[in-house]
N, C-alpha and C. Protein backbone atom coordinates (compact mmCIF):
# COMPACT_ATOMS: atom_id res chain seq x y z
N UNK A 1 84.92 100.08 143.31
CA UNK A 1 86.40 99.02 142.79
C UNK A 1 87.05 100.29 142.26
N UNK A 2 88.33 100.13 143.21
CA UNK A 2 90.06 100.63 143.79
C UNK A 2 90.17 100.48 142.51
N UNK A 3 90.62 99.11 142.02
CA UNK A 3 91.69 98.71 140.42
C UNK A 3 90.60 97.77 139.91
N UNK A 4 91.16 97.35 138.36
CA UNK A 4 90.83 96.90 137.74
C UNK A 4 91.46 96.81 135.89
N UNK A 5 90.59 96.03 135.40
CA UNK A 5 91.02 96.14 133.88
C UNK A 5 90.07 95.82 133.00
N UNK A 6 89.98 96.43 132.24
CA UNK A 6 89.00 96.63 130.97
C UNK A 6 89.84 96.65 129.35
N UNK A 7 89.43 95.78 128.64
CA UNK A 7 89.59 95.26 127.04
C UNK A 7 88.67 96.53 126.66
N UNK A 8 89.09 97.56 125.83
CA UNK A 8 88.35 98.26 124.95
C UNK A 8 89.05 98.94 123.69
N UNK A 9 88.00 99.59 122.74
CA UNK A 9 88.46 100.25 121.78
C UNK A 9 89.13 101.61 122.35
N UNK A 10 90.51 101.60 122.03
CA UNK A 10 91.10 102.93 121.72
C UNK A 10 90.44 104.50 120.45
N UNK A 11 89.97 105.36 121.44
CA UNK A 11 88.95 106.02 120.71
C UNK A 11 90.15 106.85 119.76
N UNK A 12 91.40 107.07 120.09
CA UNK A 12 92.65 107.68 119.19
C UNK A 12 92.99 107.10 117.70
N UNK A 13 93.08 105.53 118.32
CA UNK A 13 93.37 104.88 117.06
C UNK A 13 92.65 103.65 116.11
N UNK A 14 91.57 103.66 117.52
CA UNK A 14 90.38 102.84 116.99
C UNK A 14 91.20 101.06 116.56
N UNK A 15 92.26 100.81 118.01
CA UNK A 15 92.74 99.99 118.06
C UNK A 15 92.32 99.04 119.41
N UNK A 16 92.30 97.57 119.59
CA UNK A 16 92.04 97.11 120.96
C UNK A 16 93.16 97.37 122.23
N UNK A 17 93.08 97.58 123.27
CA UNK A 17 93.68 97.98 123.98
C UNK A 17 93.09 97.27 125.43
N UNK A 18 94.26 96.77 126.52
CA UNK A 18 93.60 96.25 127.65
C UNK A 18 94.25 97.84 128.64
N UNK A 19 93.57 98.28 129.44
CA UNK A 19 93.50 99.31 130.42
C UNK A 19 93.42 98.83 131.69
N UNK A 20 94.50 99.29 132.84
CA UNK A 20 94.45 98.81 133.99
C UNK A 20 94.22 100.29 134.65
N UNK A 21 93.67 100.62 136.18
CA UNK A 21 93.16 101.62 136.42
C UNK A 21 93.21 101.42 138.06
N UNK A 22 93.87 102.21 138.72
CA UNK A 22 93.55 101.58 140.14
C UNK A 22 93.62 103.31 140.70
N UNK A 23 92.43 103.50 141.75
CA UNK A 23 92.05 104.59 142.67
C UNK A 23 91.42 105.11 141.47
N UNK A 24 90.34 104.92 140.46
CA UNK A 24 90.04 105.70 139.60
C UNK A 24 90.90 106.25 138.38
N UNK A 25 92.10 105.84 138.27
CA UNK A 25 93.13 106.76 137.53
C UNK A 25 93.69 104.90 136.44
N UNK A 26 93.98 105.85 134.89
CA UNK A 26 94.45 104.53 134.40
C UNK A 26 95.72 104.51 134.66
N UNK A 27 96.39 103.43 134.94
CA UNK A 27 98.20 103.04 135.25
C UNK A 27 98.91 102.55 134.36
N UNK A 28 97.88 101.93 133.17
CA UNK A 28 98.65 101.32 132.24
C UNK A 28 97.60 101.13 131.18
N UNK A 29 97.84 101.50 130.03
CA UNK A 29 97.36 101.20 128.71
C UNK A 29 98.18 100.38 127.56
N UNK A 30 97.71 99.24 127.58
CA UNK A 30 98.66 98.22 126.13
C UNK A 30 97.91 97.67 125.27
N UNK A 31 98.58 98.07 124.34
CA UNK A 31 97.85 97.06 123.18
C UNK A 31 97.45 95.61 122.83
N UNK A 32 96.77 94.94 122.67
CA UNK A 32 95.94 93.45 122.79
C UNK A 32 95.50 93.28 121.97
N UNK A 33 95.75 91.96 121.55
CA UNK A 33 95.28 91.20 120.21
C UNK A 33 93.44 90.84 120.25
N UNK A 34 93.25 90.66 121.67
CA UNK A 34 91.84 90.20 121.84
C UNK A 34 90.97 91.59 121.89
N UNK A 35 89.64 91.22 120.90
CA UNK A 35 88.99 92.06 120.63
C UNK A 35 87.87 92.48 121.30
N UNK A 36 87.64 93.98 121.67
CA UNK A 36 86.84 93.93 122.84
C UNK A 36 85.20 93.91 122.44
N UNK A 37 84.15 94.07 123.52
CA UNK A 37 82.85 94.63 122.70
C UNK A 37 82.88 95.75 121.97
N UNK A 38 81.68 95.77 121.20
CA UNK A 38 81.91 96.95 120.83
C UNK A 38 81.56 98.23 120.95
N UNK A 39 80.83 98.08 122.53
CA UNK A 39 80.57 99.85 122.84
C UNK A 39 81.26 99.84 124.15
N UNK A 40 82.37 99.22 124.28
CA UNK A 40 83.58 99.77 125.18
C UNK A 40 84.89 100.29 124.27
N UNK A 41 84.69 101.38 124.39
CA UNK A 41 85.58 102.71 124.05
C UNK A 41 86.37 103.04 125.17
N UNK A 42 87.87 103.79 125.48
CA UNK A 42 88.59 104.68 126.26
C UNK A 42 88.70 105.41 125.08
N UNK A 43 89.31 106.92 126.11
CA UNK A 43 90.32 108.03 125.42
C UNK A 43 90.01 108.75 126.50
N UNK A 44 91.30 110.00 126.15
CA UNK A 44 91.24 111.01 126.99
C UNK A 44 90.41 111.49 127.71
N UNK A 45 90.29 111.43 128.85
CA UNK A 45 89.30 112.53 129.81
C UNK A 45 88.98 114.42 128.96
N UNK A 46 87.92 114.49 128.82
CA UNK A 46 88.01 116.04 128.41
C UNK A 46 87.92 116.61 129.20
N UNK A 47 88.57 118.23 128.42
CA UNK A 47 88.38 119.11 129.23
C UNK A 47 87.20 120.05 128.70
N UNK A 48 86.00 120.77 129.39
CA UNK A 48 85.25 120.97 128.98
C UNK A 48 85.40 122.76 129.82
N UNK A 49 85.41 123.66 129.11
CA UNK A 49 85.58 125.06 129.13
C UNK A 49 84.82 125.91 129.68
N UNK A 50 83.57 125.36 130.15
CA UNK A 50 82.27 126.41 130.63
C UNK A 50 81.50 125.44 131.55
N UNK A 51 81.90 125.24 132.67
CA UNK A 51 80.96 124.73 133.38
C UNK A 51 80.56 125.09 134.77
N UNK A 52 78.84 125.57 134.56
CA UNK A 52 78.86 126.45 135.97
C UNK A 52 77.97 125.56 137.07
N UNK A 53 78.03 124.23 136.82
CA UNK A 53 77.70 123.35 137.99
C UNK A 53 77.21 122.21 137.30
N UNK A 54 76.84 120.78 137.80
CA UNK A 54 76.86 119.27 137.59
C UNK A 54 76.19 118.78 138.50
N UNK A 55 75.36 117.76 138.02
CA UNK A 55 74.96 116.58 138.90
C UNK A 55 74.03 117.28 139.92
N UNK A 56 73.30 118.39 140.02
CA UNK A 56 72.55 119.19 141.01
C UNK A 56 73.15 119.72 141.95
N UNK A 57 74.39 120.23 140.94
CA UNK A 57 75.14 121.34 142.22
C UNK A 57 75.29 122.49 141.58
N UNK A 58 74.99 123.75 142.10
CA UNK A 58 75.24 125.20 141.53
C UNK A 58 76.14 125.62 141.61
N UNK A 59 77.42 125.92 140.66
CA UNK A 59 78.32 127.01 141.21
C UNK A 59 78.15 128.45 141.52
N UNK A 60 77.28 128.90 140.89
CA UNK A 60 76.62 129.89 141.59
C UNK A 60 76.51 130.02 143.22
N UNK A 61 76.20 129.01 143.68
CA UNK A 61 75.81 129.14 145.18
C UNK A 61 76.34 129.47 146.10
N UNK A 62 76.02 130.35 147.15
CA UNK A 62 77.28 130.85 148.39
C UNK A 62 77.58 130.22 148.82
N UNK A 63 77.07 128.90 149.50
CA UNK A 63 77.46 127.78 150.33
C UNK A 63 78.13 126.99 149.70
N UNK A 64 79.08 126.86 148.50
CA UNK A 64 79.00 125.71 148.25
C UNK A 64 80.55 125.37 148.98
N UNK A 65 80.20 123.79 149.12
CA UNK A 65 80.95 123.41 149.84
C UNK A 65 81.61 122.38 149.56
N UNK A 66 83.20 122.18 149.95
CA UNK A 66 83.84 120.89 149.61
C UNK A 66 83.29 119.59 148.61
N UNK A 67 82.32 119.42 149.56
CA UNK A 67 81.48 117.62 149.02
C UNK A 67 81.02 118.14 147.76
N UNK A 68 80.36 119.47 147.85
CA UNK A 68 79.57 119.70 147.18
C UNK A 68 80.62 119.67 145.72
N UNK A 69 81.41 120.00 145.27
CA UNK A 69 82.35 120.02 145.06
C UNK A 69 82.97 118.93 144.21
N UNK A 70 83.28 118.27 145.20
CA UNK A 70 84.10 116.80 144.90
C UNK A 70 82.49 115.86 144.32
N UNK A 71 81.32 116.19 144.26
CA UNK A 71 80.60 114.79 144.22
C UNK A 71 80.29 115.74 142.80
N UNK A 72 80.55 117.29 142.53
CA UNK A 72 80.42 117.80 140.91
C UNK A 72 81.45 117.21 140.02
N UNK A 73 82.73 117.21 140.17
CA UNK A 73 83.32 116.72 139.44
C UNK A 73 83.70 115.33 140.13
N UNK A 74 83.58 114.50 140.55
CA UNK A 74 83.38 113.44 140.32
C UNK A 74 82.50 112.24 139.30
N UNK A 75 81.08 112.84 139.49
CA UNK A 75 80.06 113.27 138.38
C UNK A 75 80.81 113.42 136.79
N UNK A 76 81.12 114.49 137.06
CA UNK A 76 81.83 115.17 135.69
C UNK A 76 82.93 113.76 135.04
N UNK A 77 83.76 113.23 135.89
CA UNK A 77 84.77 112.49 135.89
C UNK A 77 83.93 111.40 135.00
N UNK A 78 83.08 110.71 135.88
CA UNK A 78 82.44 109.58 135.15
C UNK A 78 81.74 109.60 134.13
N UNK A 79 81.22 110.82 133.50
CA UNK A 79 80.56 111.07 132.43
C UNK A 79 82.46 111.58 131.20
N UNK A 80 82.97 111.56 132.02
CA UNK A 80 84.48 111.15 131.02
C UNK A 80 84.99 112.87 130.85
N UNK A 81 84.69 113.50 131.48
CA UNK A 81 85.15 115.16 131.55
C UNK A 81 86.06 115.45 132.58
N UNK A 82 87.26 114.93 132.58
CA UNK A 82 88.26 115.50 133.50
C UNK A 82 88.86 116.30 134.33
N UNK A 83 89.02 117.43 133.59
CA UNK A 83 88.88 118.85 133.76
C UNK A 83 87.92 119.81 133.15
N UNK A 84 87.63 120.75 133.40
CA UNK A 84 86.82 121.92 133.61
C UNK A 84 87.43 123.06 133.77
N UNK A 85 86.84 124.15 133.48
CA UNK A 85 87.16 125.33 133.90
C UNK A 85 85.94 126.16 135.03
N UNK A 86 85.98 126.20 135.63
CA UNK A 86 84.89 126.32 136.46
C UNK A 86 84.30 127.56 136.08
N UNK A 87 83.16 128.22 136.57
CA UNK A 87 82.80 128.89 135.07
C UNK A 87 81.47 129.87 136.60
N UNK A 88 81.83 130.86 136.65
CA UNK A 88 80.91 131.92 136.93
C UNK A 88 80.08 132.75 136.25
N UNK A 89 78.93 132.94 136.49
CA UNK A 89 77.78 133.76 135.53
C UNK A 89 77.84 134.98 136.45
N UNK A 90 77.29 136.05 135.13
CA UNK A 90 77.06 137.54 135.86
C UNK A 90 76.08 137.54 137.24
N UNK A 91 76.83 138.29 137.74
CA UNK A 91 75.73 138.75 139.09
C UNK A 91 76.32 139.31 140.02
N UNK A 92 76.02 140.08 141.19
CA UNK A 92 76.59 141.25 141.33
C UNK A 92 78.18 141.37 141.52
N UNK A 93 78.67 142.24 141.52
CA UNK A 93 80.35 141.71 141.40
C UNK A 93 80.70 141.44 142.63
N UNK A 94 80.55 141.74 143.90
CA UNK A 94 81.02 141.19 145.28
C UNK A 94 80.61 139.87 145.20
N UNK A 95 79.41 139.64 145.07
CA UNK A 95 78.98 138.24 144.61
C UNK A 95 79.78 137.40 144.09
N UNK A 96 80.36 137.76 142.78
CA UNK A 96 81.20 136.76 141.81
C UNK A 96 82.60 136.80 142.34
N UNK A 97 83.12 137.94 142.52
CA UNK A 97 84.48 137.74 143.32
C UNK A 97 84.53 136.92 144.77
N UNK A 98 83.43 137.03 145.47
CA UNK A 98 83.50 136.76 147.20
C UNK A 98 83.62 134.99 145.94
N UNK A 99 82.48 134.47 145.43
CA UNK A 99 82.31 132.96 144.91
C UNK A 99 83.85 132.23 144.51
N UNK A 100 84.26 133.46 143.70
CA UNK A 100 85.96 133.45 142.89
C UNK A 100 86.55 132.75 144.05
N UNK A 101 86.75 133.88 145.18
CA UNK A 101 87.83 133.32 145.96
C UNK A 101 87.62 132.05 146.49
N UNK A 102 86.45 132.26 147.16
CA UNK A 102 86.12 130.24 147.73
C UNK A 102 86.11 129.53 147.04
N UNK A 103 85.88 129.41 145.71
CA UNK A 103 86.02 128.00 145.05
C UNK A 103 87.80 128.01 144.44
N UNK A 104 88.27 129.16 144.30
CA UNK A 104 89.94 128.95 144.46
C UNK A 104 90.41 128.26 146.11
N UNK A 105 90.04 128.80 147.10
CA UNK A 105 90.17 128.35 148.30
C UNK A 105 89.89 126.83 148.53
N UNK A 106 88.81 126.42 147.77
CA UNK A 106 88.36 124.99 147.81
C UNK A 106 89.08 123.89 146.90
N UNK A 107 89.48 124.73 145.63
CA UNK A 107 90.26 124.06 145.13
C UNK A 107 91.73 123.57 145.40
N UNK A 108 92.11 124.79 145.97
CA UNK A 108 93.62 124.41 146.61
C UNK A 108 93.89 123.48 147.66
N UNK A 109 92.63 123.09 148.34
CA UNK A 109 92.72 122.32 149.42
C UNK A 109 92.58 120.99 149.45
N UNK A 110 92.31 120.63 148.14
CA UNK A 110 91.78 119.02 148.06
C UNK A 110 92.38 118.50 146.23
N UNK A 111 93.31 117.89 146.77
CA UNK A 111 93.86 117.30 145.22
C UNK A 111 92.98 116.96 144.28
N UNK A 112 91.76 116.00 144.44
CA UNK A 112 91.18 115.92 143.74
C UNK A 112 90.41 117.06 142.87
N UNK A 113 89.91 118.06 143.72
CA UNK A 113 89.88 119.36 142.89
C UNK A 113 90.59 120.10 142.38
N UNK A 114 91.71 119.90 142.64
CA UNK A 114 93.43 120.57 142.19
C UNK A 114 93.33 119.87 140.71
N UNK A 115 93.33 118.48 140.34
CA UNK A 115 93.49 118.00 139.34
C UNK A 115 92.14 118.17 138.86
N UNK A 116 91.01 118.29 138.42
CA UNK A 116 90.02 118.42 138.10
C UNK A 116 89.59 119.75 137.61
N UNK A 117 89.77 121.03 138.48
CA UNK A 117 89.51 122.48 138.22
C UNK A 117 90.74 123.06 137.53
N UNK A 118 90.84 122.86 136.31
CA UNK A 118 91.93 123.47 135.35
C UNK A 118 92.06 125.09 135.45
N UNK A 119 91.43 125.55 135.46
CA UNK A 119 91.00 127.15 135.74
C UNK A 119 89.36 127.36 136.17
N UNK A 120 89.50 128.56 135.49
CA UNK A 120 88.28 129.53 135.83
C UNK A 120 87.74 129.80 134.38
N UNK A 121 86.11 130.25 134.52
CA UNK A 121 86.01 131.29 133.55
C UNK A 121 84.96 131.84 134.02
N UNK A 122 85.34 133.07 133.68
CA UNK A 122 83.95 134.33 134.11
C UNK A 122 83.33 135.05 132.78
N UNK A 123 82.00 134.58 133.00
CA UNK A 123 80.86 134.78 131.91
C UNK A 123 80.04 135.59 132.18
N UNK A 124 80.60 137.15 132.04
CA UNK A 124 79.64 138.35 132.29
C UNK A 124 80.68 138.32 133.98
N UNK A 125 80.28 140.12 134.15
CA UNK A 125 79.03 140.62 133.76
C UNK A 125 79.74 141.89 132.65
N UNK A 126 80.66 141.70 131.62
CA UNK A 126 80.71 142.35 130.49
C UNK A 126 80.26 142.08 129.65
N UNK A 127 78.79 141.61 129.21
CA UNK A 127 78.41 141.57 128.29
C UNK A 127 77.26 142.59 127.92
N UNK A 128 76.63 141.94 126.49
CA UNK A 128 75.49 142.97 126.63
C UNK A 128 74.55 142.98 126.96
N UNK A 129 73.94 144.01 127.05
CA UNK A 129 72.69 144.00 128.25
C UNK A 129 71.41 144.21 127.24
N UNK A 130 71.54 143.96 126.10
CA UNK A 130 70.74 144.46 124.99
C UNK A 130 69.72 143.00 125.27
N UNK A 131 68.20 142.63 124.94
CA UNK A 131 67.16 141.71 124.68
C UNK A 131 67.76 141.23 123.61
N UNK A 132 67.93 139.70 124.12
CA UNK A 132 68.20 139.11 122.93
C UNK A 132 69.43 138.38 122.82
N UNK A 133 70.65 139.39 123.91
CA UNK A 133 71.97 139.24 123.58
C UNK A 133 72.53 139.15 124.67
N UNK A 134 71.85 139.14 125.76
CA UNK A 134 72.26 139.07 127.56
C UNK A 134 71.87 137.36 127.48
N UNK A 135 71.09 136.60 126.98
CA UNK A 135 70.54 135.12 127.24
C UNK A 135 69.92 135.52 128.42
N UNK A 136 70.49 134.32 129.09
CA UNK A 136 70.06 134.44 130.61
C UNK A 136 70.66 135.27 131.91
N UNK A 137 71.48 135.82 130.99
CA UNK A 137 71.94 136.81 132.03
C UNK A 137 71.48 138.12 132.47
N UNK A 138 71.40 138.08 133.82
CA UNK A 138 70.25 139.48 134.18
C UNK A 138 71.08 141.11 133.55
N UNK A 139 70.29 141.51 132.69
CA UNK A 139 70.93 142.86 131.93
C UNK A 139 71.07 143.75 133.19
N UNK A 140 70.63 144.26 134.04
CA UNK A 140 70.83 144.90 135.22
C UNK A 140 71.89 144.92 136.25
N UNK A 141 72.27 143.85 135.95
CA UNK A 141 73.65 143.38 136.32
C UNK A 141 75.14 143.83 135.68
N UNK A 142 74.93 143.75 134.26
CA UNK A 142 75.95 143.71 133.96
C UNK A 142 76.62 145.30 133.74
N UNK A 143 78.28 145.09 133.89
CA UNK A 143 79.18 146.41 134.14
C UNK A 143 80.21 146.26 133.33
N UNK A 144 80.94 147.66 133.12
CA UNK A 144 82.32 147.82 132.25
C UNK A 144 83.25 147.04 132.88
N UNK A 145 84.22 146.56 131.61
CA UNK A 145 85.46 145.57 131.90
C UNK A 145 86.67 146.13 132.32
N UNK A 146 86.33 147.28 133.54
CA UNK A 146 87.52 148.24 133.65
C UNK A 146 88.62 147.63 134.23
N UNK A 147 89.63 148.12 133.66
CA UNK A 147 91.24 147.77 133.84
C UNK A 147 91.48 147.47 135.18
N UNK A 148 90.65 147.87 136.18
CA UNK A 148 90.40 147.54 137.95
C UNK A 148 89.90 146.32 137.97
N UNK A 149 88.64 146.29 137.54
CA UNK A 149 88.16 144.68 137.78
C UNK A 149 88.72 143.86 137.10
N UNK A 150 89.08 143.95 135.71
CA UNK A 150 90.31 142.70 135.22
C UNK A 150 91.22 142.89 135.48
N UNK A 151 91.93 143.48 136.88
CA UNK A 151 93.02 142.89 137.38
C UNK A 151 92.65 142.48 138.58
N UNK A 152 91.29 142.81 139.29
CA UNK A 152 91.03 141.83 140.20
C UNK A 152 90.73 140.88 140.00
N UNK A 153 90.14 140.02 138.91
CA UNK A 153 89.80 138.69 138.76
C UNK A 153 91.56 138.18 138.45
N UNK A 154 92.69 138.96 137.89
CA UNK A 154 93.74 138.15 137.63
C UNK A 154 94.46 137.83 139.01
N UNK A 155 94.58 139.02 140.14
CA UNK A 155 95.03 138.61 141.19
C UNK A 155 93.98 137.73 142.04
N UNK A 156 92.46 137.77 141.97
CA UNK A 156 92.23 136.62 142.95
C UNK A 156 92.26 135.39 141.69
N UNK A 157 92.64 134.70 140.82
CA UNK A 157 93.00 133.48 140.29
C UNK A 157 94.65 133.46 140.05
N UNK A 158 95.22 134.61 140.80
CA UNK A 158 96.88 133.69 140.38
C UNK A 158 97.28 133.40 139.01
N UNK A 159 98.19 132.79 138.90
CA UNK A 159 98.44 132.51 138.03
C UNK A 159 98.13 131.43 137.07
N UNK A 160 96.66 130.89 137.54
CA UNK A 160 96.03 129.88 137.50
C UNK A 160 95.31 130.32 135.99
N UNK A 161 94.76 129.69 134.91
CA UNK A 161 94.41 129.41 133.48
C UNK A 161 93.03 130.04 133.76
N UNK A 162 92.87 131.56 133.09
CA UNK A 162 91.48 132.05 132.96
C UNK A 162 91.17 132.64 131.92
N UNK A 163 90.06 132.45 131.52
CA UNK A 163 88.85 132.59 130.59
C UNK A 163 88.19 133.46 130.63
N UNK A 164 88.07 134.95 130.15
CA UNK A 164 87.12 136.03 130.36
C UNK A 164 86.63 135.94 129.13
N UNK A 165 84.81 136.00 129.34
CA UNK A 165 83.62 136.39 128.07
C UNK A 165 83.69 137.92 127.91
N UNK A 166 83.80 138.61 126.97
CA UNK A 166 83.32 140.16 127.03
C UNK A 166 82.67 140.19 125.96
N UNK A 167 81.92 141.23 125.89
CA UNK A 167 81.12 141.46 124.38
C UNK A 167 81.96 142.80 124.12
N UNK A 168 82.69 143.15 123.13
CA UNK A 168 83.88 143.99 122.68
C UNK A 168 83.52 145.43 122.81
N UNK A 169 81.72 145.53 121.99
CA UNK A 169 81.00 146.78 121.99
C UNK A 169 80.35 147.36 123.37
N UNK A 170 80.58 147.24 124.28
CA UNK A 170 80.11 148.10 125.49
C UNK A 170 81.34 148.65 126.19
N UNK A 171 80.99 149.54 126.62
CA UNK A 171 81.72 150.83 127.58
C UNK A 171 83.05 150.27 128.09
N UNK A 172 83.95 150.22 127.11
CA UNK A 172 85.63 149.87 127.76
C UNK A 172 85.40 148.61 127.22
N UNK A 173 84.66 148.04 126.22
CA UNK A 173 85.30 146.90 126.08
C UNK A 173 86.16 146.23 125.53
N UNK A 174 86.92 147.22 124.43
CA UNK A 174 88.21 146.58 123.87
C UNK A 174 89.19 147.00 124.68
N UNK A 175 89.24 148.06 125.50
CA UNK A 175 90.02 148.29 126.68
C UNK A 175 90.22 147.09 127.91
N UNK A 176 89.08 146.32 128.16
CA UNK A 176 89.25 145.12 128.76
C UNK A 176 89.68 143.99 128.28
N UNK A 177 89.81 144.13 126.91
CA UNK A 177 90.37 143.24 126.14
C UNK A 177 92.04 143.36 126.66
N UNK A 178 92.21 144.38 125.80
CA UNK A 178 93.64 144.73 126.02
C UNK A 178 94.50 144.53 127.59
N UNK A 179 93.55 145.02 128.54
CA UNK A 179 94.32 144.91 129.86
C UNK A 179 94.17 143.64 130.08
N UNK A 180 93.09 142.57 129.66
CA UNK A 180 92.92 140.98 129.69
C UNK A 180 93.99 140.74 129.44
N UNK A 181 94.22 140.88 128.23
CA UNK A 181 95.71 140.32 127.47
C UNK A 181 97.24 140.17 127.77
N UNK A 182 97.20 141.75 128.46
CA UNK A 182 98.48 142.34 128.89
C UNK A 182 98.73 141.09 130.21
N UNK A 183 97.64 140.94 131.43
CA UNK A 183 97.65 140.26 132.21
C UNK A 183 97.82 138.87 132.01
N UNK A 184 97.71 138.20 130.78
CA UNK A 184 97.56 137.04 130.64
C UNK A 184 96.20 136.24 130.47
N UNK A 185 95.47 136.83 130.39
CA UNK A 185 94.00 136.53 130.69
C UNK A 185 93.80 135.85 128.96
N UNK A 186 93.30 134.73 128.47
CA UNK A 186 92.49 134.60 127.26
C UNK A 186 90.99 135.20 127.51
N UNK A 187 91.00 135.88 125.91
CA UNK A 187 89.45 136.50 126.47
C UNK A 187 88.39 135.75 125.16
N UNK A 188 87.35 135.56 125.10
CA UNK A 188 86.34 135.17 124.56
C UNK A 188 85.29 135.79 123.75
N UNK A 189 84.66 136.49 122.51
CA UNK A 189 83.68 137.25 122.43
C UNK A 189 82.36 136.16 122.38
N UNK A 190 81.25 137.02 123.51
CA UNK A 190 80.18 136.05 123.93
C UNK A 190 78.68 137.26 124.13
N UNK A 191 77.61 136.76 124.31
CA UNK A 191 77.05 137.65 124.56
C UNK A 191 76.98 138.97 123.82
N UNK A 192 77.15 139.43 122.65
CA UNK A 192 77.61 140.51 121.76
C UNK A 192 76.46 140.94 120.50
N UNK A 193 76.55 142.32 120.62
CA UNK A 193 75.63 142.50 119.27
C UNK A 193 76.65 143.42 118.55
N UNK A 194 77.87 142.96 118.39
CA UNK A 194 79.20 143.68 117.95
C UNK A 194 79.27 143.98 116.49
N UNK A 195 79.17 145.38 115.91
CA UNK A 195 79.14 145.04 114.75
C UNK A 195 80.58 144.70 114.02
N UNK A 196 80.61 144.84 112.56
CA UNK A 196 81.54 144.02 112.25
C UNK A 196 83.09 144.99 112.27
N UNK A 197 82.76 146.27 112.52
CA UNK A 197 83.71 147.29 112.97
C UNK A 197 84.85 146.81 113.62
N UNK A 198 83.78 146.62 114.66
CA UNK A 198 84.36 146.31 116.17
C UNK A 198 85.21 144.97 116.00
N UNK A 199 84.30 144.09 115.88
CA UNK A 199 84.80 142.72 115.08
C UNK A 199 86.07 142.21 114.98
């Protein structure tokens, strides 16, 4: 259905509204006196900061296609997630950077992908290799967050939002944090066994 309307509860103020849409996007939301069914709610779409794939589509695959990404973001939209940080996890550095470049190329070539993929999240390979802290990430693929590697990620993503997960205790971790911040990259701590004095 390319257009329609629905009476629903606005999740932000819990008041009834009439919401109209066209081509899958709300075009008008107005207050109404008509009470909707109890289970009908609308609200702003969610932003998920870590999506490695969805609806059977793995973002780590080397042959990720435009159709794959459109399917994944379409299904995410149906689940009320309007934007994501496309997330890549620990693997060979060359494979990760190749996948990132390909994903950005796909995103930039299609308006729906441009709206849905708000930025990038690189979770690894700058994580703890210790058992129990690396989680599902392969410990043999962990690398130091050298200034060159961090700068390469910034170059590949341009001015797009970029979130980088680093374990600060790894060799070069604090320098990696500093370099990332200088380049406008947001940093989160994850998969870490850092002692208190480092945190």
